[in-house]
Amino acid sequence: MSKHIVKISILIMTLSFSIFSHAVSDDKIMKANDYNRALKSAMMLYKNNKYVKALPALELFARRGDKMAQYIVGTMYLNAQGSEQDLMKSYAWLTVANEQKSKVWLKPLEMLNEKLPSDYLVLAKEEGLNYVDKFGITTQRLSCKNIKVIGSRSKSHHCKKLQVKKGYYYINDNISYAKNSL
């Protein structure tokens, strides 16, 4: 009986190690400094109104889970900045961005909820849930928590990338878009 317990314990440890090592494999991590530098560069393209270049650069970080990039990409598709207007993508990106629970970020999503036809809205909500599954907090390994706002009694909900090992973020650029979005 004890031999079986030892064998099972070894098997569990082996599986745990292989799962952990896969979770931080070199093709799915990026140096935090490189990540932040590239994200800042994408944000500067947007701030400088270079929308055609900013959209694909920001969309890469939106797919990696960055909440600000998800919000900006959602509004870019809504406002036809850098591409034609795409209300499905706008709704999906705004849905996943709102995992951060920002009252300001909720406004464009609420506007779409009011203006879109009900049959289209059903599809848009389904697509939003697909984006949450693919690009949301859990899949992209983010940590979200309430942070006290300086000079105020209120708290703000913020999400950020978790380091999978010191100085490295998890990234997954191999996730394809959901069926309805492209």
Protein backbone atom coordinates (compact mmCIF):
# COMPACT_ATOMS: atom_id res chain seq x y z
CA MET A 1 0.00 0.00 0.00
CA SER A 2 2.77 2.47 0.87
CA LYS A 3 4.50 1.72 -2.48
CA HIS A 4 1.36 2.88 -4.27
CA ILE A 5 1.26 6.07 -2.25
CA VAL A 6 4.91 6.77 -3.07
CA LYS A 7 4.31 6.11 -6.79
CA ILE A 8 1.25 8.36 -6.82
CA SER A 9 3.15 11.08 -4.99
CA ILE A 10 6.00 10.92 -7.50
CA LEU A 11 3.54 11.02 -10.38
CA ILE A 12 1.78 14.06 -8.93
CA MET A 13 5.08 15.88 -8.36
CA THR A 14 6.21 15.07 -11.91
CA LEU A 15 2.97 16.34 -13.39
CA SER A 16 3.06 19.48 -11.24
CA PHE A 17 6.60 20.23 -12.36
CA SER A 18 5.80 19.70 -16.04
CA ILE A 19 2.71 21.92 -15.82
CA PHE A 20 4.67 24.67 -14.03
CA SER A 21 7.59 24.51 -16.45
CA HIS A 22 5.20 24.74 -19.39
CA ALA A 23 3.49 27.73 -17.80
CA VAL A 24 6.69 29.76 -17.92
CA SER A 25 8.26 28.38 -21.09
CA ASP A 26 10.53 30.84 -22.89
CA ASP A 27 8.13 31.36 -25.80
CA LYS A 28 5.44 32.63 -23.42
CA ILE A 29 7.44 35.11 -21.35
CA MET A 30 8.86 38.54 -22.05
CA LYS A 31 11.13 40.79 -20.05
CA ALA A 32 8.98 43.26 -18.14
CA ASN A 33 11.16 46.21 -19.23
CA ASP A 34 10.85 45.26 -22.92
CA TYR A 35 7.10 44.75 -22.54
CA ASN A 36 6.59 48.12 -20.84
CA ARG A 37 8.81 49.94 -23.35
CA ALA A 38 6.87 48.50 -26.32
CA LEU A 39 3.53 49.29 -24.64
CA LYS A 40 4.62 52.88 -24.02
CA SER A 41 5.64 53.18 -27.68
CA ALA A 42 2.21 51.92 -28.80
CA MET A 43 0.49 54.39 -26.46
CA MET A 44 2.59 57.26 -27.88
CA LEU A 45 1.43 56.40 -31.41
CA TYR A 46 -2.15 56.77 -30.19
CA LYS A 47 -1.49 60.00 -28.29
CA ASN A 48 0.17 61.44 -31.41
CA ASN A 49 -2.95 60.59 -33.49
CA LYS A 50 -1.11 58.01 -35.62
CA TYR A 51 -4.13 55.73 -35.48
CA VAL A 52 -3.31 53.44 -38.41
CA LYS A 53 -0.02 52.46 -36.73
CA ALA A 54 -1.38 52.62 -33.19
CA LEU A 55 -4.28 50.21 -33.70
CA PRO A 56 -2.28 47.03 -34.46
CA ALA A 57 0.36 47.94 -31.87
CA LEU A 58 -2.24 48.50 -29.16
CA GLU A 59 -4.27 45.49 -30.23
CA LEU A 60 -1.24 43.29 -29.57
CA PHE A 61 -1.17 44.52 -25.96
CA ALA A 62 -4.95 44.25 -25.72
CA ARG A 63 -4.62 40.56 -26.63
CA ARG A 64 -1.94 40.29 -23.93
CA GLY A 65 -4.45 41.54 -21.37
CA ASP A 66 -3.52 45.19 -20.90
CA LYS A 67 -6.74 46.86 -19.74
CA MET A 68 -5.90 50.37 -20.96
CA ALA A 69 -4.99 49.00 -24.40
CA GLN A 70 -8.25 47.01 -24.47
CA TYR A 71 -10.25 50.14 -23.67
CA ILE A 72 -8.43 52.28 -26.23
CA VAL A 73 -8.77 49.62 -28.94
CA GLY A 74 -12.49 49.33 -28.15
CA THR A 75 -12.97 53.08 -28.53
CA MET A 76 -10.83 53.15 -31.69
CA TYR A 77 -13.12 50.58 -33.34
CA LEU A 78 -16.13 52.53 -32.09
CA ASN A 79 -14.83 55.84 -33.48
CA ALA A 80 -13.28 54.44 -36.69
CA GLN A 81 -9.76 55.48 -35.68
CA GLY A 82 -7.17 53.50 -37.64
CA SER A 83 -9.81 51.28 -39.28
CA GLU A 84 -13.41 51.28 -40.38
CA GLN A 85 -15.95 51.31 -37.58
CA ASP A 86 -16.46 47.80 -36.20
CA LEU A 87 -19.11 47.72 -33.49
CA MET A 88 -18.64 43.99 -32.82
CA LYS A 89 -14.93 44.40 -32.04
CA SER A 90 -15.64 47.61 -30.15
CA TYR A 91 -18.19 45.88 -27.94
CA ALA A 92 -15.93 42.87 -27.36
CA TRP A 93 -12.85 44.93 -26.42
CA LEU A 94 -14.87 47.25 -24.18
CA THR A 95 -16.40 44.22 -22.45
CA VAL A 96 -13.03 42.68 -21.59
CA ALA A 97 -11.56 46.08 -20.63
CA ASN A 98 -14.37 46.53 -18.12
CA GLU A 99 -13.07 43.66 -16.03
CA GLN A 100 -11.17 46.58 -14.47
CA LYS A 101 -14.53 47.97 -13.27
CA SER A 102 -14.10 51.60 -14.27
CA LYS A 103 -17.22 53.78 -14.27
CA VAL A 104 -15.74 55.96 -17.01
CA TRP A 105 -14.86 52.97 -19.19
CA LEU A 106 -18.38 51.61 -18.82
CA LYS A 107 -19.96 54.62 -20.59
CA PRO A 108 -19.18 53.61 -24.22
CA LEU A 109 -20.34 50.06 -23.47
CA GLU A 110 -23.59 51.36 -21.98
CA MET A 111 -24.09 53.56 -25.04
CA LEU A 112 -23.67 50.52 -27.31
CA ASN A 113 -26.14 48.57 -25.15
CA GLU A 114 -28.70 51.32 -25.72
CA LYS A 115 -28.08 51.92 -29.45
CA LEU A 116 -27.45 48.46 -30.94
CA PRO A 117 -30.39 46.42 -32.25
CA SER A 118 -31.32 43.60 -29.86
CA ASP A 119 -30.38 40.76 -32.25
CA TYR A 120 -26.96 42.33 -32.89
CA LEU A 121 -26.51 42.97 -29.17
CA VAL A 122 -26.98 39.27 -28.40
CA LEU A 123 -24.11 38.45 -30.79
CA ALA A 124 -21.98 41.30 -29.43
CA LYS A 125 -22.43 40.11 -25.84
CA GLU A 126 -21.46 36.57 -26.87
CA GLU A 127 -18.37 37.93 -28.60
CA GLY A 128 -17.55 39.99 -25.51
CA LEU A 129 -17.60 36.83 -23.40
CA ASN A 130 -15.32 35.12 -25.95
CA TYR A 131 -12.85 38.00 -25.59
CA VAL A 132 -13.01 37.76 -21.80
CA ASP A 133 -12.18 34.05 -22.09
CA LYS A 134 -9.26 34.68 -24.45
CA PHE A 135 -7.87 38.04 -23.34
CA GLY A 136 -9.17 38.49 -19.82
CA ILE A 137 -7.76 38.49 -16.32
CA THR A 138 -7.45 34.74 -15.87
CA THR A 139 -6.09 33.78 -19.29
CA GLN A 140 -3.54 36.60 -19.44
CA ARG A 141 -2.49 36.24 -15.79
CA LEU A 142 -3.42 39.58 -14.33
CA SER A 143 -3.92 40.63 -10.75
CA CYS A 144 -6.77 43.02 -10.00
CA LYS A 145 -7.41 44.83 -6.75
CA ASN A 146 -8.86 47.99 -5.29
CA ILE A 147 -6.27 50.71 -4.76
CA LYS A 148 -6.89 53.79 -2.63
CA VAL A 149 -6.90 56.99 -4.67
CA ILE A 150 -4.53 59.57 -3.20
CA GLY A 151 -6.42 62.51 -1.70
CA SER A 152 -9.74 60.67 -1.72
CA ARG A 153 -11.72 58.17 0.31
CA SER A 154 -12.62 56.23 -2.80
CA LYS A 155 -10.81 53.26 -4.22
CA SER A 156 -10.04 52.46 -7.84
CA HIS A 157 -9.99 48.95 -9.29
CA HIS A 158 -6.73 48.27 -11.20
CA CYS A 159 -5.40 45.24 -13.05
CA LYS A 160 -1.77 44.57 -13.89
CA LYS A 161 0.35 41.78 -15.35
CA LEU A 162 1.78 39.28 -12.91
CA GLN A 163 5.44 38.43 -13.10
CA VAL A 164 5.80 34.69 -13.70
CA LYS A 165 9.40 34.96 -12.63
CA LYS A 166 11.34 37.99 -11.49
CA GLY A 167 11.39 40.60 -14.24
CA TYR A 168 9.27 38.58 -16.72
CA TYR A 169 5.61 38.72 -17.78
CA TYR A 170 3.52 35.92 -19.22
CA ILE A 171 2.41 36.61 -22.79
CA ASN A 172 0.40 34.52 -25.19
CA ASP A 173 0.43 35.89 -28.72
CA ASN A 174 -0.84 32.64 -30.26
CA ILE A 175 -4.49 33.07 -29.27
CA SER A 176 -6.67 33.50 -32.33
CA TYR A 177 -9.70 35.78 -32.47
CA ALA A 178 -13.17 34.48 -31.83
CA LYS A 179 -15.21 33.38 -34.83
CA ASN A 180 -17.51 36.41 -35.07
CA SER A 181 -14.88 39.14 -34.89
CA LEU A 182 -12.93 39.01 -38.15
